[in-house]
C-alpha atoms as a PDB file:
ATOM      1  CA  MET A   1      14.385  47.005  39.479  1.00  0.00           C
ATOM      2  CA  PRO A   2      17.242  49.102  40.974  1.00  0.00           C
ATOM      3  CA  SER A   3      16.267  52.296  42.709  1.00  0.00           C
ATOM      4  CA  GLN A   4      18.426  55.203  42.942  1.00  0.00           C
ATOM      5  CA  LYS A   5      18.693  57.437  45.990  1.00  0.00           C
ATOM      6  CA  ILE A   6      18.267  61.178  45.549  1.00  0.00           C
ATOM      7  CA  ILE A   7      22.014  61.857  46.248  1.00  0.00           C
ATOM      8  CA  ASP A   8      23.068  59.440  43.507  1.00  0.00           C
ATOM      9  CA  ILE A   9      20.801  61.134  41.042  1.00  0.00           C
ATOM     10  CA  GLY A  10      22.057  64.522  42.055  1.00  0.00           C
ATOM     11  CA  PHE A  11      25.534  63.552  41.423  1.00  0.00           C
ATOM     12  CA  LEU A  12      24.462  62.588  37.804  1.00  0.00           C
ATOM     13  CA  GLY A  13      23.139  66.191  37.658  1.00  0.00           C
ATOM     14  CA  LEU A  14      19.470  65.125  37.094  1.00  0.00           C
ATOM     15  CA  PHE A  15      16.502  66.283  39.237  1.00  0.00           C
ATOM     16  CA  PRO A  16      14.331  63.536  40.454  1.00  0.00           C
ATOM     17  CA  LYS A  17      11.307  63.156  38.097  1.00  0.00           C
ATOM     18  CA  LYS A  18       8.753  62.289  40.592  1.00  0.00           C
ATOM     19  CA  ILE A  19       9.470  65.252  42.858  1.00  0.00           C
ATOM     20  CA  TYR A  20       9.561  67.497  39.725  1.00  0.00           C
ATOM     21  CA  HIS A  21       6.203  66.109  38.525  1.00  0.00           C
ATOM     22  CA  ALA A  22       4.634  66.810  42.048  1.00  0.00           C
ATOM     23  CA  LEU A  23       6.061  70.287  42.008  1.00  0.00           C
ATOM     24  CA  HIS A  24       4.583  71.009  38.687  1.00  0.00           C
ATOM     25  CA  LYS A  25       1.227  69.460  39.586  1.00  0.00           C
ATOM     26  CA  TYR A  26       0.942  71.689  42.524  1.00  0.00           C
ATOM     27  CA  GLY A  27       1.946  74.731  40.451  1.00  0.00           C
ATOM     28  CA  ARG A  28      -0.980  73.877  37.828  1.00  0.00           C
ATOM     29  CA  GLU A  29      -3.328  73.797  40.928  1.00  0.00           C
ATOM     30  CA  LEU A  30      -2.011  77.161  41.983  1.00  0.00           C
ATOM     31  CA  GLU A  31      -2.721  78.517  38.521  1.00  0.00           C
ATOM     32  CA  ARG A  32      -6.354  77.545  38.869  1.00  0.00           C
ATOM     33  CA  VAL A  33      -6.763  79.525  42.087  1.00  0.00           C
ATOM     34  CA  ASN A  34      -4.362  82.384  41.691  1.00  0.00           C
ATOM     35  CA  THR A  35      -2.179  83.466  38.768  1.00  0.00           C
ATOM     36  CA  THR A  36       0.178  85.631  40.647  1.00  0.00           C
ATOM     37  CA  ALA A  37       1.187  82.976  43.244  1.00  0.00           C
ATOM     38  CA  SER A  38       1.585  80.509  40.537  1.00  0.00           C
ATOM     39  CA  TYR A  39       4.153  82.681  38.621  1.00  0.00           C
ATOM     40  CA  ASP A  40       6.123  83.195  41.800  1.00  0.00           C
ATOM     41  CA  TYR A  41       5.886  79.620  42.621  1.00  0.00           C
ATOM     42  CA  PHE A  42       7.412  78.427  39.174  1.00  0.00           C
ATOM     43  CA  LYS A  43       9.913  80.907  39.447  1.00  0.00           C
ATOM     44  CA  LEU A  44      11.108  79.340  42.668  1.00  0.00           C
ATOM     45  CA  VAL A  45      10.788  75.924  41.307  1.00  0.00           C
ATOM     46  CA  ASP A  46      13.241  76.857  38.449  1.00  0.00           C
ATOM     47  CA  ASN A  47      15.638  78.468  41.026  1.00  0.00           C
ATOM     48  CA  LEU A  48      15.628  75.163  42.990  1.00  0.00           C
ATOM     49  CA  ILE A  49      16.321  72.875  40.004  1.00  0.00           C
ATOM     50  CA  THR A  50      19.088  75.341  38.764  1.00  0.00           C
ATOM     51  CA  ALA A  51      20.612  75.382  42.155  1.00  0.00           C
ATOM     52  CA  PHE A  52      20.365  71.596  42.275  1.00  0.00           C
ATOM     53  CA  ILE A  53      22.123  71.189  39.025  1.00  0.00           C
ATOM     54  CA  TYR A  54      24.752  74.041  39.106  1.00  0.00           C
ATOM     55  CA  ARG A  55      25.924  73.179  42.540  1.00  0.00           C
ATOM     56  CA  LEU A  56      27.213  69.808  41.157  1.00  0.00           C
ATOM     57  CA  LEU A  57      28.919  71.541  38.195  1.00  0.00           C
ATOM     58  CA  THR A  58      30.558  74.071  40.633  1.00  0.00           C
ATOM     59  CA  VAL A  59      31.914  71.207  42.694  1.00  0.00           C
ATOM     60  CA  GLN A  60      33.167  69.315  39.711  1.00  0.00           C
ATOM     61  CA  LYS A  61      34.936  72.525  38.525  1.00  0.00           C
ATOM     62  CA  VAL A  62      36.585  73.100  41.878  1.00  0.00           C
ATOM     63  CA  VAL A  63      37.858  69.517  41.893  1.00  0.00           C
ATOM     64  CA  HIS A  64      39.245  70.004  38.444  1.00  0.00           C
ATOM     65  CA  ILE A  65      40.901  73.137  39.564  1.00  0.00           C
ATOM     66  CA  LEU A  66      42.563  71.539  42.612  1.00  0.00           C
ATOM     67  CA  LEU A  67      43.638  68.496  40.684  1.00  0.00           C
ATOM     68  CA  ALA A  68      45.134  70.769  37.956  1.00  0.00           C
ATOM     69  CA  GLN A  69      47.316  72.495  40.696  1.00  0.00           C
ATOM     70  CA  TRP A  70      48.711  69.263  42.151  1.00  0.00           C
END
């Protein structure tokens, strides 16, 4: 079974599932202990995933702009 590196998956615009599941599992444990901390934690996880995906879209758009001017 071929394995993908995080960089390869990142270029496809996908967030690695195993990392995503581990982050959410930890968040659920935080919910059991402290609800305020879990809200902040899930907000940070969402920001991380958004940054991971939108960074790639921004790079792609810059490349399109540069190529269009060429």
